[in-house]
Protein backbone atom coordinates (compact mmCIF):
# COMPACT_ATOMS: atom_id res chain seq x y z
CA MET A 1 99.48 106.55 87.47
CA GLU A 2 98.83 109.78 85.64
CA SER A 3 96.43 109.94 82.71
CA LYS A 4 97.57 111.24 79.34
CA ARG A 5 95.70 114.47 80.01
CA GLN A 6 97.51 114.97 83.33
CA GLN A 7 100.86 114.31 81.67
CA LYS A 8 100.08 116.70 78.84
CA VAL A 9 98.98 119.48 81.19
CA GLY A 10 102.01 118.83 83.40
CA ARG A 11 104.41 119.18 80.47
CA GLN A 12 102.72 122.40 79.37
CA ILE A 13 102.89 123.88 82.88
CA GLN A 14 106.54 122.81 83.16
CA LYS A 15 107.39 124.59 79.91
CA ASP A 16 105.45 127.71 80.86
CA LEU A 17 106.92 127.88 84.38
CA GLY A 18 110.40 127.66 82.88
CA GLU A 19 109.66 130.64 80.66
CA ILE A 20 108.11 132.56 83.55
CA PHE A 21 111.17 132.07 85.76
CA GLN A 22 113.44 133.00 82.88
CA LYS A 23 111.61 136.05 81.48
CA ASP A 24 108.95 137.35 83.86
CA ALA A 25 110.41 136.61 87.29
CA PRO A 26 114.21 136.40 87.18
CA HIS A 27 114.27 138.43 90.41
CA LEU A 28 112.93 135.39 92.29
CA ALA A 29 115.98 133.31 91.40
CA ASN A 30 118.53 135.56 93.16
CA GLY A 31 121.06 134.87 90.42
CA SER A 32 120.49 131.11 90.38
CA PHE A 33 119.42 129.05 87.40
CA ILE A 34 116.07 127.37 88.10
CA THR A 35 115.17 124.08 86.47
CA ILE A 36 111.68 122.66 86.71
CA THR A 37 112.47 118.94 86.81
CA ALA A 38 108.87 117.71 86.95
CA VAL A 39 105.29 118.84 87.32
CA ARG A 40 102.69 116.46 88.70
CA VAL A 41 99.04 117.38 88.30
CA THR A 42 96.15 116.00 90.35
CA PRO A 43 93.41 114.11 88.46
CA ASP A 44 91.02 117.07 88.68
CA LEU A 45 93.78 119.39 87.32
CA GLY A 46 93.26 121.63 90.36
CA ILE A 47 96.73 121.35 91.90
CA ALA A 48 100.10 121.28 90.16
CA ARG A 49 103.16 120.23 92.15
CA ALA A 50 106.34 121.60 90.61
CA TYR A 51 109.72 120.18 91.58
CA LEU A 52 112.56 122.68 91.29
CA SER A 53 116.31 122.33 91.10
CA PHE A 54 118.74 125.23 91.51
CA LEU A 55 122.25 125.89 90.20
CA PRO A 56 124.35 126.83 92.10
CA ASP A 57 123.04 125.03 95.16
CA LYS A 58 123.69 127.89 97.58
CA ASN A 59 120.68 129.25 99.50
CA LYS A 60 118.22 126.96 97.74
CA GLU A 61 115.90 126.92 100.75
CA GLU A 62 115.77 130.73 100.74
CA ILE A 63 115.07 130.83 97.01
CA LEU A 64 112.33 128.21 97.37
CA LYS A 65 110.78 130.18 100.23
CA GLY A 66 110.79 133.34 98.06
CA ILE A 67 109.13 131.45 95.22
CA GLN A 68 106.51 130.04 97.57
CA GLN A 69 105.75 133.53 98.86
CA ASN A 70 105.24 134.74 95.27
CA THR A 71 103.03 131.84 94.20
CA LYS A 72 100.11 134.18 93.52
CA PHE A 73 102.20 136.26 91.09
CA ILE A 74 103.53 133.13 89.34
CA ARG A 75 100.02 131.66 89.09
CA GLN A 76 98.77 134.88 87.53
CA LYS A 77 101.55 134.79 84.92
CA LEU A 78 100.78 131.11 84.28
CA GLY A 79 97.10 131.97 83.86
CA ASP A 80 97.99 134.54 81.20
CA ARG A 81 99.79 131.82 79.26
CA VAL A 82 97.35 128.90 79.59
CA ARG A 83 94.02 130.72 79.59
CA HIS A 84 93.06 129.30 76.19
CA GLN A 85 94.10 125.71 77.01
CA LEU A 86 92.82 125.29 80.57
CA ARG A 87 89.54 126.24 82.11
CA ILE A 88 90.94 126.61 85.63
CA VAL A 89 94.52 127.59 86.41
CA PRO A 90 95.78 125.03 88.92
CA HIS A 91 97.02 126.04 92.35
CA LEU A 92 100.79 125.78 92.41
CA GLN A 93 102.87 124.00 95.01
CA PHE A 94 106.66 124.19 94.80
CA TYR A 95 109.04 121.58 96.17
CA LEU A 96 112.78 121.07 96.14
CA ASP A 97 113.91 118.29 93.84
CA ASP A 98 116.73 116.50 95.62
CA THR A 99 117.22 113.58 93.23
CA ALA A 100 120.59 114.91 92.03
CA GLU A 101 121.84 115.14 95.62
CA TYR A 102 120.49 111.68 96.38
CA ALA A 103 122.21 110.22 93.30
CA SER A 104 125.55 111.81 94.18
CA LYS A 105 125.22 110.54 97.75
CA MET A 106 124.55 107.00 96.49
CA ASP A 107 127.52 107.23 94.09
CA GLN A 108 129.71 108.31 97.01
CA LEU A 109 128.49 105.38 99.12
CA PHE A 110 129.17 102.90 96.32
CA SER A 111 132.63 104.33 95.64
CA ASP A 112 133.52 103.95 99.33
CA LEU A 113 132.60 100.27 99.41
CA VAL A 114 135.49 97.87 99.80
CA ILE A 115 134.74 94.51 98.24
CA PRO A 116 137.39 91.88 98.90
CA PRO A 117 138.40 89.67 95.99
CA ALA A 118 136.96 86.17 95.91
CA ASP A 119 139.15 83.30 97.13
CA PRO A 120 140.51 81.07 94.33
CA GLU A 121 139.41 77.98 96.30
CA ASP A 122 135.79 79.18 96.30
CA GLU A 123 135.86 79.65 92.53
CA GLN A 124 137.14 76.08 91.98
CA ASP A 125 134.39 74.62 94.17
CA ASP A 126 131.72 76.38 92.08
CA THR A 127 132.93 74.76 88.84
CA GLN A 128 132.71 71.16 90.11
CA PRO A 129 129.34 69.37 90.06
């Protein structure tokens, strides 16, 4: 479980990364809209794991690879923004957030389920003591 400090730093990094991708590094997105869904920070605040989601979903692995190759540039921009709040700028790790895909897959599985109606005889047996 994350401490309040970790959560606070994570929210700040999430906000700042969003602004960086929007203003300072739109070239990394290749025309996609990047959403930072979560940022998890280690207890020593040395590593920040950012989970990204892309719209549209095309070429998301390529975009993620480009972002990972430019981590140094992104970390530098983040350092410019948080230099007065944090002593050490955390190392950044970027991951694909696939929760939306997982949720749609689960919805599809549930919609494909065929549940037969209960027999009327079974319902009558349940009501008798």
